[in-house]
C-alpha atoms as a PDB file:
ATOM      1  CA  MET A   1     -88.061 -40.315  65.735  1.00  0.00           C
ATOM      2  CA  SER A   2     -85.096 -42.269  64.385  1.00  0.00           C
ATOM      3  CA  ALA A   3     -84.500 -42.688  60.662  1.00  0.00           C
ATOM      4  CA  ILE A   4     -85.209 -45.934  58.837  1.00  0.00           C
ATOM      5  CA  ARG A   5     -82.455 -48.563  58.806  1.00  0.00           C
ATOM      6  CA  ASN A   6     -83.794 -51.101  56.285  1.00  0.00           C
ATOM      7  CA  ARG A   7     -83.878 -50.977  52.509  1.00  0.00           C
ATOM      8  CA  TYR A   8     -87.223 -51.535  50.758  1.00  0.00           C
ATOM      9  CA  ASP A   9     -88.183 -52.182  47.146  1.00  0.00           C
ATOM     10  CA  PHE A  10     -91.806 -52.315  46.058  1.00  0.00           C
ATOM     11  CA  VAL A  11     -94.157 -53.042  43.168  1.00  0.00           C
ATOM     12  CA  TYR A  12     -97.310 -50.940  42.882  1.00  0.00           C
ATOM     13  CA  LEU A  13    -100.308 -51.747  40.665  1.00  0.00           C
ATOM     14  CA  PHE A  14    -103.142 -49.318  39.949  1.00  0.00           C
ATOM     15  CA  ASP A  15    -105.752 -49.022  37.219  1.00  0.00           C
ATOM     16  CA  VAL A  16    -108.030 -46.515  35.491  1.00  0.00           C
ATOM     17  CA  HIS A  17    -111.486 -46.910  33.925  1.00  0.00           C
ATOM     18  CA  ASP A  18    -112.682 -44.377  31.359  1.00  0.00           C
ATOM     19  CA  GLY A  19    -110.304 -41.645  32.408  1.00  0.00           C
ATOM     20  CA  ASN A  20    -107.004 -39.942  31.737  1.00  0.00           C
ATOM     21  CA  PRO A  21    -104.501 -40.936  34.431  1.00  0.00           C
ATOM     22  CA  ASN A  22    -101.776 -38.486  33.372  1.00  0.00           C
ATOM     23  CA  GLY A  23    -102.259 -36.129  30.432  1.00  0.00           C
ATOM     24  CA  ASP A  24     -99.332 -34.880  28.349  1.00  0.00           C
ATOM     25  CA  PRO A  25     -99.473 -31.066  27.959  1.00  0.00           C
ATOM     26  CA  ASP A  26     -97.214 -31.318  24.894  1.00  0.00           C
ATOM     27  CA  ALA A  27     -99.796 -33.554  23.172  1.00  0.00           C
ATOM     28  CA  GLY A  28    -103.051 -31.724  23.848  1.00  0.00           C
ATOM     29  CA  ASN A  29    -103.339 -33.432  27.255  1.00  0.00           C
ATOM     30  CA  LEU A  30    -103.780 -36.865  25.676  1.00  0.00           C
ATOM     31  CA  PRO A  31    -102.832 -39.822  27.909  1.00  0.00           C
ATOM     32  CA  ARG A  32     -99.075 -40.365  27.890  1.00  0.00           C
ATOM     33  CA  THR A  33     -97.901 -43.287  25.777  1.00  0.00           C
ATOM     34  CA  ASP A  34     -94.712 -44.962  24.628  1.00  0.00           C
ATOM     35  CA  PRO A  35     -94.790 -44.142  20.895  1.00  0.00           C
ATOM     36  CA  GLU A  36     -92.997 -47.365  19.948  1.00  0.00           C
ATOM     37  CA  THR A  37     -95.129 -49.841  21.894  1.00  0.00           C
ATOM     38  CA  GLY A  38     -98.360 -48.003  22.667  1.00  0.00           C
ATOM     39  CA  HIS A  39     -98.073 -48.743  26.371  1.00  0.00           C
ATOM     40  CA  GLY A  40     -99.430 -46.092  28.705  1.00  0.00           C
ATOM     41  CA  ILE A  41     -97.135 -44.073  30.949  1.00  0.00           C
ATOM     42  CA  VAL A  42     -97.752 -42.255  34.221  1.00  0.00           C
ATOM     43  CA  THR A  43     -94.862 -40.130  35.474  1.00  0.00           C
ATOM     44  CA  ASP A  44     -93.309 -40.417  38.900  1.00  0.00           C
ATOM     45  CA  VAL A  45     -94.136 -36.775  39.646  1.00  0.00           C
ATOM     46  CA  CYS A  46     -97.827 -37.500  38.998  1.00  0.00           C
ATOM     47  CA  LEU A  47     -97.894 -40.135  41.757  1.00  0.00           C
ATOM     48  CA  LYS A  48     -95.789 -37.972  44.081  1.00  0.00           C
ATOM     49  CA  ARG A  49     -98.279 -35.139  43.634  1.00  0.00           C
ATOM     50  CA  LYS A  50    -101.099 -37.413  44.772  1.00  0.00           C
ATOM     51  CA  LEU A  51     -99.042 -38.550  47.768  1.00  0.00           C
ATOM     52  CA  ARG A  52     -98.311 -34.948  48.723  1.00  0.00           C
ATOM     53  CA  ASN A  53    -101.997 -34.065  48.507  1.00  0.00           C
ATOM     54  CA  PHE A  54    -102.899 -37.094  50.628  1.00  0.00           C
ATOM     55  CA  VAL A  55    -100.456 -36.064  53.355  1.00  0.00           C
ATOM     56  CA  GLN A  56    -101.934 -32.564  53.369  1.00  0.00           C
ATOM     57  CA  ILE A  57    -105.391 -34.042  53.917  1.00  0.00           C
ATOM     58  CA  VAL A  58    -104.337 -36.512  56.618  1.00  0.00           C
ATOM     59  CA  LYS A  59    -101.856 -34.385  58.545  1.00  0.00           C
ATOM     60  CA  GLY A  60    -103.080 -30.846  57.902  1.00  0.00           C
ATOM     61  CA  ALA A  61    -100.910 -28.352  59.788  1.00  0.00           C
ATOM     62  CA  GLU A  62     -99.257 -30.957  62.022  1.00  0.00           C
ATOM     63  CA  PRO A  63     -95.612 -29.970  62.633  1.00  0.00           C
ATOM     64  CA  GLY A  64     -93.169 -31.871  60.464  1.00  0.00           C
ATOM     65  CA  PHE A  65     -95.732 -32.674  57.774  1.00  0.00           C
ATOM     66  CA  ASP A  66     -95.971 -29.439  55.830  1.00  0.00           C
ATOM     67  CA  ILE A  67     -95.592 -29.735  52.038  1.00  0.00           C
ATOM     68  CA  PHE A  68     -92.920 -27.790  50.155  1.00  0.00           C
ATOM     69  CA  ILE A  69     -94.181 -28.338  46.587  1.00  0.00           C
ATOM     70  CA  LYS A  70     -97.859 -27.431  46.828  1.00  0.00           C
ATOM     71  CA  GLU A  71    -100.403 -25.548  44.784  1.00  0.00           C
ATOM     72  CA  LYS A  72     -99.738 -21.795  44.538  1.00  0.00           C
ATOM     73  CA  GLY A  73     -96.615 -22.137  46.669  1.00  0.00           C
ATOM     74  CA  ILE A  74     -93.737 -19.662  46.363  1.00  0.00           C
ATOM     75  CA  LEU A  75     -90.673 -21.781  46.982  1.00  0.00           C
ATOM     76  CA  ASN A  76     -88.126 -19.023  47.558  1.00  0.00           C
ATOM     77  CA  ASN A  77     -90.273 -17.568  50.369  1.00  0.00           C
ATOM     78  CA  LEU A  78     -90.179 -20.933  52.142  1.00  0.00           C
ATOM     79  CA  ILE A  79     -86.423 -21.233  51.641  1.00  0.00           C
ATOM     80  CA  ASP A  80     -85.972 -17.708  53.002  1.00  0.00           C
ATOM     81  CA  GLU A  81     -87.978 -18.683  56.092  1.00  0.00           C
ATOM     82  CA  ALA A  82     -85.402 -21.372  56.810  1.00  0.00           C
ATOM     83  CA  HIS A  83     -82.655 -18.731  56.900  1.00  0.00           C
ATOM     84  CA  ASP A  84     -84.744 -16.629  59.304  1.00  0.00           C
ATOM     85  CA  GLN A  85     -84.632 -19.362  61.980  1.00  0.00           C
ATOM     86  CA  GLU A  86     -82.431 -18.588  64.984  1.00  0.00           C
ATOM     87  CA  ASN A  87     -80.539 -21.869  64.752  1.00  0.00           C
ATOM     88  CA  VAL A  88     -79.677 -21.003  61.143  1.00  0.00           C
ATOM     89  CA  LYS A  89     -78.912 -17.284  61.560  1.00  0.00           C
ATOM     90  CA  THR A  90     -76.445 -17.981  64.360  1.00  0.00           C
ATOM     91  CA  LYS A  91     -74.420 -20.454  62.289  1.00  0.00           C
ATOM     92  CA  GLU A  92     -71.151 -19.560  60.610  1.00  0.00           C
ATOM     93  CA  LYS A  93     -71.531 -18.640  56.945  1.00  0.00           C
ATOM     94  CA  SER A  94     -70.062 -21.970  55.840  1.00  0.00           C
ATOM     95  CA  GLU A  95     -72.632 -23.866  57.953  1.00  0.00           C
ATOM     96  CA  LYS A  96     -75.796 -21.888  57.114  1.00  0.00           C
ATOM     97  CA  THR A  97     -76.716 -23.913  54.023  1.00  0.00           C
ATOM     98  CA  GLU A  98     -76.511 -27.234  55.858  1.00  0.00           C
ATOM     99  CA  ALA A  99     -78.512 -25.875  58.807  1.00  0.00           C
ATOM    100  CA  ALA A 100     -81.181 -24.490  56.467  1.00  0.00           C
ATOM    101  CA  LYS A 101     -81.357 -27.808  54.657  1.00  0.00           C
ATOM    102  CA  GLN A 102     -81.893 -29.657  57.922  1.00  0.00           C
ATOM    103  CA  TYR A 103     -84.684 -27.261  58.865  1.00  0.00           C
ATOM    104  CA  MET A 104     -86.381 -27.897  55.507  1.00  0.00           C
ATOM    105  CA  CYS A 105     -86.141 -31.665  56.012  1.00  0.00           C
ATOM    106  CA  ASP A 106     -87.583 -31.399  59.510  1.00  0.00           C
ATOM    107  CA  ARG A 107     -90.462 -29.150  58.428  1.00  0.00           C
ATOM    108  CA  PHE A 108     -91.499 -30.562  55.052  1.00  0.00           C
ATOM    109  CA  PHE A 109     -92.595 -34.167  54.586  1.00  0.00           C
ATOM    110  CA  ASP A 110     -91.992 -34.146  50.819  1.00  0.00           C
ATOM    111  CA  VAL A 111     -88.444 -32.786  51.174  1.00  0.00           C
ATOM    112  CA  ARG A 112     -87.680 -35.449  53.776  1.00  0.00           C
ATOM    113  CA  THR A 113     -89.234 -38.141  51.544  1.00  0.00           C
ATOM    114  CA  PHE A 114     -88.571 -37.276  47.902  1.00  0.00           C
ATOM    115  CA  GLY A 115     -85.828 -34.669  48.169  1.00  0.00           C
ATOM    116  CA  ALA A 116     -85.743 -31.206  46.586  1.00  0.00           C
ATOM    117  CA  VAL A 117     -83.533 -28.608  44.915  1.00  0.00           C
ATOM    118  CA  MET A 118     -83.537 -25.583  47.231  1.00  0.00           C
ATOM    119  CA  MET A 119     -80.904 -23.325  45.699  1.00  0.00           C
ATOM    120  CA  THR A 120     -83.223 -20.958  43.816  1.00  0.00           C
ATOM    121  CA  GLY A 121     -83.236 -18.285  46.556  1.00  0.00           C
ATOM    122  CA  LYS A 122     -81.172 -18.221  49.706  1.00  0.00           C
ATOM    123  CA  ASN A 123     -79.310 -21.494  49.450  1.00  0.00           C
ATOM    124  CA  ALA A 124     -80.780 -24.397  51.402  1.00  0.00           C
ATOM    125  CA  GLY A 125     -78.906 -27.015  49.416  1.00  0.00           C
ATOM    126  CA  GLN A 126     -80.035 -29.980  47.392  1.00  0.00           C
ATOM    127  CA  VAL A 127     -81.544 -33.089  48.952  1.00  0.00           C
ATOM    128  CA  ARG A 128     -81.765 -36.580  47.499  1.00  0.00           C
ATOM    129  CA  GLY A 129     -84.820 -38.211  48.981  1.00  0.00           C
ATOM    130  CA  PRO A 130     -84.807 -41.824  50.202  1.00  0.00           C
ATOM    131  CA  VAL A 131     -88.101 -42.651  48.421  1.00  0.00           C
ATOM    132  CA  GLN A 132     -88.045 -42.798  44.631  1.00  0.00           C
ATOM    133  CA  LEU A 133     -90.518 -44.053  42.019  1.00  0.00           C
ATOM    134  CA  THR A 134     -90.118 -45.094  38.417  1.00  0.00           C
ATOM    135  CA  PHE A 135     -92.493 -44.093  35.633  1.00  0.00           C
ATOM    136  CA  SER A 136     -95.526 -46.370  35.710  1.00  0.00           C
ATOM    137  CA  ARG A 137     -96.124 -48.398  32.564  1.00  0.00           C
ATOM    138  CA  SER A 138     -99.333 -50.140  31.518  1.00  0.00           C
ATOM    139  CA  ILE A 139     -99.273 -53.927  31.320  1.00  0.00           C
ATOM    140  CA  ASP A 140    -100.793 -53.806  27.818  1.00  0.00           C
ATOM    141  CA  PRO A 141    -100.935 -51.106  25.135  1.00  0.00           C
ATOM    142  CA  ILE A 142    -103.661 -48.555  25.815  1.00  0.00           C
ATOM    143  CA  VAL A 143    -106.202 -47.004  23.433  1.00  0.00           C
ATOM    144  CA  PRO A 144    -106.320 -43.202  23.813  1.00  0.00           C
ATOM    145  CA  LEU A 145    -109.736 -41.823  22.848  1.00  0.00           C
ATOM    146  CA  GLU A 146    -110.977 -38.288  22.268  1.00  0.00           C
ATOM    147  CA  HIS A 147    -114.611 -37.447  22.927  1.00  0.00           C
ATOM    148  CA  SER A 148    -116.487 -34.369  21.748  1.00  0.00           C
ATOM    149  CA  ILE A 149    -118.342 -32.641  24.576  1.00  0.00           C
ATOM    150  CA  THR A 150    -120.785 -29.738  24.627  1.00  0.00           C
ATOM    151  CA  ARG A 151    -121.231 -26.962  27.184  1.00  0.00           C
ATOM    152  CA  MET A 152    -124.621 -25.225  27.181  1.00  0.00           C
ATOM    153  CA  ALA A 153    -123.040 -21.835  27.774  1.00  0.00           C
ATOM    154  CA  VAL A 154    -120.448 -19.480  26.296  1.00  0.00           C
ATOM    155  CA  ALA A 155    -117.744 -17.425  27.945  1.00  0.00           C
ATOM    156  CA  THR A 156    -118.393 -13.944  26.513  1.00  0.00           C
ATOM    157  CA  PRO A 157    -121.248 -11.813  25.115  1.00  0.00           C
ATOM    158  CA  GLU A 158    -119.384 -11.721  21.804  1.00  0.00           C
ATOM    159  CA  GLU A 159    -119.568 -15.509  21.512  1.00  0.00           C
ATOM    160  CA  ALA A 160    -123.295 -15.411  22.290  1.00  0.00           C
ATOM    161  CA  ALA A 161    -123.890 -12.801  19.585  1.00  0.00           C
ATOM    162  CA  LYS A 162    -122.094 -14.893  16.987  1.00  0.00           C
ATOM    163  CA  GLN A 163    -124.300 -17.885  17.823  1.00  0.00           C
ATOM    164  CA  GLU A 164    -127.459 -15.766  17.857  1.00  0.00           C
ATOM    165  CA  GLY A 165    -128.452 -17.124  21.235  1.00  0.00           C
ATOM    166  CA  GLY A 166    -127.426 -20.755  20.673  1.00  0.00           C
ATOM    167  CA  ASN A 167    -124.885 -20.440  23.470  1.00  0.00           C
ATOM    168  CA  ARG A 168    -123.069 -23.727  23.024  1.00  0.00           C
ATOM    169  CA  THR A 169    -119.353 -24.421  23.338  1.00  0.00           C
ATOM    170  CA  MET A 170    -117.706 -27.502  21.909  1.00  0.00           C
ATOM    171  CA  GLY A 171    -114.763 -29.170  23.606  1.00  0.00           C
ATOM    172  CA  ARG A 172    -112.708 -32.352  23.715  1.00  0.00           C
ATOM    173  CA  LYS A 173    -112.097 -34.877  26.464  1.00  0.00           C
ATOM    174  CA  ALA A 174    -109.394 -37.560  26.394  1.00  0.00           C
ATOM    175  CA  THR A 175    -109.717 -40.956  28.083  1.00  0.00           C
ATOM    176  CA  ILE A 176    -108.630 -44.552  27.868  1.00  0.00           C
ATOM    177  CA  PRO A 177    -111.235 -47.350  28.275  1.00  0.00           C
ATOM    178  CA  TYR A 178    -109.060 -49.260  30.731  1.00  0.00           C
ATOM    179  CA  GLY A 179    -105.434 -49.532  31.767  1.00  0.00           C
ATOM    180  CA  LEU A 180    -103.599 -51.474  34.476  1.00  0.00           C
ATOM    181  CA  TYR A 181    -100.321 -49.761  35.390  1.00  0.00           C
ATOM    182  CA  ARG A 182     -97.253 -51.017  37.203  1.00  0.00           C
ATOM    183  CA  ALA A 183     -94.701 -48.856  39.042  1.00  0.00           C
ATOM    184  CA  HIS A 184     -91.536 -49.775  40.899  1.00  0.00           C
ATOM    185  CA  GLY A 185     -90.297 -47.963  43.979  1.00  0.00           C
ATOM    186  CA  PHE A 186     -87.234 -47.844  46.190  1.00  0.00           C
ATOM    187  CA  VAL A 187     -86.546 -46.761  49.766  1.00  0.00           C
ATOM    188  CA  SER A 188     -82.867 -46.169  50.590  1.00  0.00           C
ATOM    189  CA  PRO A 189     -81.887 -45.812  54.265  1.00  0.00           C
ATOM    190  CA  SER A 190     -78.499 -44.374  53.335  1.00  0.00           C
ATOM    191  CA  LEU A 191     -80.344 -41.213  52.230  1.00  0.00           C
ATOM    192  CA  ALA A 192     -82.411 -41.090  55.426  1.00  0.00           C
ATOM    193  CA  ASP A 193     -79.919 -41.823  58.197  1.00  0.00           C
ATOM    194  CA  GLY A 194     -76.739 -40.090  59.299  1.00  0.00           C
ATOM    195  CA  GLU A 195     -75.643 -36.473  59.526  1.00  0.00           C
ATOM    196  CA  ARG A 196     -76.545 -35.706  55.920  1.00  0.00           C
ATOM    197  CA  GLY A 197     -79.665 -37.866  55.798  1.00  0.00           C
ATOM    198  CA  THR A 198     -83.156 -36.415  55.658  1.00  0.00           C
ATOM    199  CA  GLY A 199     -84.363 -38.099  58.860  1.00  0.00           C
ATOM    200  CA  PHE A 200     -87.073 -40.060  57.014  1.00  0.00           C
ATOM    201  CA  SER A 201     -88.539 -42.364  59.664  1.00  0.00           C
ATOM    202  CA  GLU A 202     -90.607 -45.535  59.967  1.00  0.00           C
ATOM    203  CA  ALA A 203     -93.644 -43.351  60.731  1.00  0.00           C
ATOM    204  CA  ASP A 204     -92.998 -41.452  57.497  1.00  0.00           C
ATOM    205  CA  LEU A 205     -92.719 -44.740  55.639  1.00  0.00           C
ATOM    206  CA  ASP A 206     -96.029 -45.978  57.071  1.00  0.00           C
ATOM    207  CA  LEU A 207     -97.602 -42.763  55.767  1.00  0.00           C
ATOM    208  CA  VAL A 208     -96.199 -43.485  52.294  1.00  0.00           C
ATOM    209  CA  TRP A 209     -97.684 -47.009  52.346  1.00  0.00           C
ATOM    210  CA  GLN A 210    -101.012 -45.606  53.550  1.00  0.00           C
ATOM    211  CA  GLY A 211    -100.930 -42.952  50.850  1.00  0.00           C
ATOM    212  CA  LEU A 212    -100.288 -45.434  48.057  1.00  0.00           C
ATOM    213  CA  ALA A 213    -103.243 -47.460  49.289  1.00  0.00           C
ATOM    214  CA  GLU A 214    -105.688 -44.571  49.749  1.00  0.00           C
ATOM    215  CA  MET A 215    -104.584 -41.534  47.728  1.00  0.00           C
ATOM    216  CA  PHE A 216    -106.844 -42.174  44.721  1.00  0.00           C
ATOM    217  CA  GLU A 217    -109.869 -42.089  47.040  1.00  0.00           C
ATOM    218  CA  HIS A 218    -109.144 -38.413  47.685  1.00  0.00           C
ATOM    219  CA  ASP A 219    -108.195 -37.406  44.141  1.00  0.00           C
ATOM    220  CA  ARG A 220    -111.437 -37.890  42.265  1.00  0.00           C
ATOM    221  CA  SER A 221    -112.247 -35.908  39.141  1.00  0.00           C
ATOM    222  CA  ALA A 222    -114.333 -36.458  36.022  1.00  0.00           C
ATOM    223  CA  ALA A 223    -111.179 -36.238  33.889  1.00  0.00           C
ATOM    224  CA  ARG A 224    -109.401 -39.071  35.710  1.00  0.00           C
ATOM    225  CA  GLY A 225    -112.322 -41.490  35.629  1.00  0.00           C
ATOM    226  CA  LEU A 226    -112.160 -44.276  38.184  1.00  0.00           C
ATOM    227  CA  MET A 227    -108.602 -44.798  39.424  1.00  0.00           C
ATOM    228  CA  SER A 228    -107.931 -47.490  42.032  1.00  0.00           C
ATOM    229  CA  ALA A 229    -104.950 -48.876  43.911  1.00  0.00           C
ATOM    230  CA  ARG A 230    -104.898 -52.631  43.247  1.00  0.00           C
ATOM    231  CA  ALA A 231    -101.770 -54.128  44.787  1.00  0.00           C
ATOM    232  CA  LEU A 232     -98.676 -53.137  46.729  1.00  0.00           C
ATOM    233  CA  TYR A 233     -95.905 -55.718  47.169  1.00  0.00           C
ATOM    234  CA  ILE A 234     -93.118 -54.697  49.542  1.00  0.00           C
ATOM    235  CA  PHE A 235     -89.714 -56.373  49.757  1.00  0.00           C
ATOM    236  CA  LYS A 236     -88.048 -55.506  53.059  1.00  0.00           C
ATOM    237  CA  HIS A 237     -84.299 -56.104  53.312  1.00  0.00           C
ATOM    238  CA  GLU A 238     -82.682 -57.038  56.582  1.00  0.00           C
ATOM    239  CA  SER A 239     -79.619 -55.044  55.576  1.00  0.00           C
ATOM    240  CA  GLY A 240     -79.558 -51.333  54.902  1.00  0.00           C
ATOM    241  CA  LEU A 241     -77.470 -52.051  51.811  1.00  0.00           C
ATOM    242  CA  GLY A 242     -79.925 -54.672  50.623  1.00  0.00           C
ATOM    243  CA  ASN A 243     -79.840 -58.466  50.461  1.00  0.00           C
ATOM    244  CA  ALA A 244     -80.715 -58.874  46.765  1.00  0.00           C
ATOM    245  CA  PRO A 245     -80.881 -56.779  43.572  1.00  0.00           C
ATOM    246  CA  ALA A 246     -84.180 -54.960  43.150  1.00  0.00           C
ATOM    247  CA  HIS A 247     -84.756 -56.166  39.581  1.00  0.00           C
ATOM    248  CA  LYS A 248     -84.468 -59.788  40.667  1.00  0.00           C
ATOM    249  CA  LEU A 249     -87.115 -59.250  43.319  1.00  0.00           C
ATOM    250  CA  PHE A 250     -89.408 -57.429  40.892  1.00  0.00           C
ATOM    251  CA  GLU A 251     -89.265 -60.426  38.545  1.00  0.00           C
ATOM    252  CA  ARG A 252     -91.110 -62.425  41.215  1.00  0.00           C
ATOM    253  CA  ILE A 253     -94.262 -60.377  40.546  1.00  0.00           C
ATOM    254  CA  THR A 254     -95.784 -61.183  37.158  1.00  0.00           C
ATOM    255  CA  VAL A 255     -99.009 -59.813  35.681  1.00  0.00           C
ATOM    256  CA  LYS A 256    -100.716 -61.429  32.688  1.00  0.00           C
ATOM    257  CA  ARG A 257    -103.992 -60.908  30.877  1.00  0.00           C
ATOM    258  CA  ASN A 258    -106.250 -63.943  31.182  1.00  0.00           C
ATOM    259  CA  ASP A 259    -107.697 -63.828  27.654  1.00  0.00           C
ATOM    260  CA  GLN A 260    -105.264 -62.517  25.062  1.00  0.00           C
ATOM    261  CA  ALA A 261    -108.007 -62.418  22.436  1.00  0.00           C
ATOM    262  CA  ALA A 262    -110.255 -59.974  24.317  1.00  0.00           C
ATOM    263  CA  PRO A 263    -109.397 -56.413  25.359  1.00  0.00           C
ATOM    264  CA  ALA A 264    -109.040 -55.895  29.099  1.00  0.00           C
ATOM    265  CA  ARG A 265    -111.740 -53.806  30.758  1.00  0.00           C
ATOM    266  CA  ALA A 266    -111.316 -54.730  34.434  1.00  0.00           C
ATOM    267  CA  PHE A 267    -108.685 -55.792  36.958  1.00  0.00           C
ATOM    268  CA  SER A 268    -110.329 -59.223  37.008  1.00  0.00           C
ATOM    269  CA  ASP A 269    -109.189 -59.655  33.402  1.00  0.00           C
ATOM    270  CA  TYR A 270    -105.645 -60.074  34.761  1.00  0.00           C
ATOM    271  CA  SER A 271    -103.884 -62.588  36.971  1.00  0.00           C
ATOM    272  CA  VAL A 272    -101.102 -61.567  39.334  1.00  0.00           C
ATOM    273  CA  SER A 273     -98.585 -64.259  40.277  1.00  0.00           C
ATOM    274  CA  VAL A 274     -96.276 -63.911  43.276  1.00  0.00           C
ATOM    275  CA  ASP A 275     -93.263 -66.201  43.567  1.00  0.00           C
ATOM    276  CA  ARG A 276     -92.516 -66.576  47.271  1.00  0.00           C
ATOM    277  CA  GLU A 277     -90.377 -69.691  46.945  1.00  0.00           C
ATOM    278  CA  GLY A 278     -86.705 -69.374  47.728  1.00  0.00           C
ATOM    279  CA  LEU A 279     -86.674 -65.715  48.656  1.00  0.00           C
ATOM    280  CA  PRO A 280     -83.085 -64.516  49.215  1.00  0.00           C
ATOM    281  CA  ASP A 281     -81.876 -64.683  52.795  1.00  0.00           C
ATOM    282  CA  GLY A 282     -82.754 -61.504  54.639  1.00  0.00           C
ATOM    283  CA  VAL A 283     -85.637 -60.507  52.350  1.00  0.00           C
ATOM    284  CA  GLU A 284     -89.247 -60.431  53.532  1.00  0.00           C
ATOM    285  CA  LEU A 285     -92.208 -60.007  51.176  1.00  0.00           C
ATOM    286  CA  THR A 286     -95.490 -58.482  52.371  1.00  0.00           C
ATOM    287  CA  GLU A 287     -98.677 -57.284  50.659  1.00  0.00           C
ATOM    288  CA  ARG A 288    -100.388 -54.084  51.768  1.00  0.00           C
ATOM    289  CA  LEU A 289    -103.324 -54.380  49.339  1.00  0.00           C
ATOM    290  CA  SER A 290    -105.021 -57.697  48.675  1.00  0.00           C
END
C-alpha cells in the first residue's frame, strides 16, 4: 500500500474522572503536573502506549502490524531477527543497516508510525516516525488527591504475626476528581514516503484515528478511573508540505469552562468552539468524534 502524501495536524481532547491518567514514578506515582501552573500533564509516550496496545488487540498477529515496543519484549532479539532475513543477509555490509531498517518498518506498526532507535544490538538504524504527539495538558489546573486504602490481607506470615491476626495492609491511591486534557498531533508525509520513508500508509493512518477514538475503551483499570476520548479535530493539508502553520490551525479550536466560579466535574462543564470561517486554501477540517 502506498505511503501517505498529505500532511495532517490534529487536536485531541480526552478526560478522566476519579482516576490517575499518567502517574509520575519520580513523585510516588502522583498525577503529573506543571509545578508552576498546576495544570495536569500526560506524556506522549503514555498515549502511544495505549495506541500500541489497541493495535495489538485489533490486528493480533496480522503481518505488518506487530508491535516492537511491547510488554516483556527484548528489543535486541527483534533487531537480530531483521539481520537474519535473507534479503538483509545477502546485502553488502554498507547496505545491511538500511535493509534491516526497512524490514523493521514493514513488520512493526509502531516503528512505521512513531519511529524507533534500533542501534542497541545489530544495527537497524534510527527511524523518525511520521506521527508525533505533544504532551497533553489539562485545560484547567488539576487537584491531585491521595486516598488511604486498606487490604484485608498481608503478604507474609511475619506480617501476620506482627498484627496478631489482624491481617490488614494500608496503602495509598492517587487520583484527580476531573480533568479535561488537550493534545496536539502531527502527521508528516515526508517521513512516510520515499526511499528512506517508513511506508506509513492511509490504512495505517485510519488505524491511528480509530485508536484515538477507541483506545480508552480497552485500557480500563481501577487506577485510571473513567477515561474517555471526547473530540478529535483533524486538519488535512492538500500539500505534503502543508498549506498553513500548525499553531495557527490549532488556535481555531478553543475550550473554555462554562462557569468559572465552579470546579469542573464533567465534559459538559466545558464548551468547545470551532472556527471554520476562512480556513486557509488547501486545508480541510473534519471531526472524528462528535
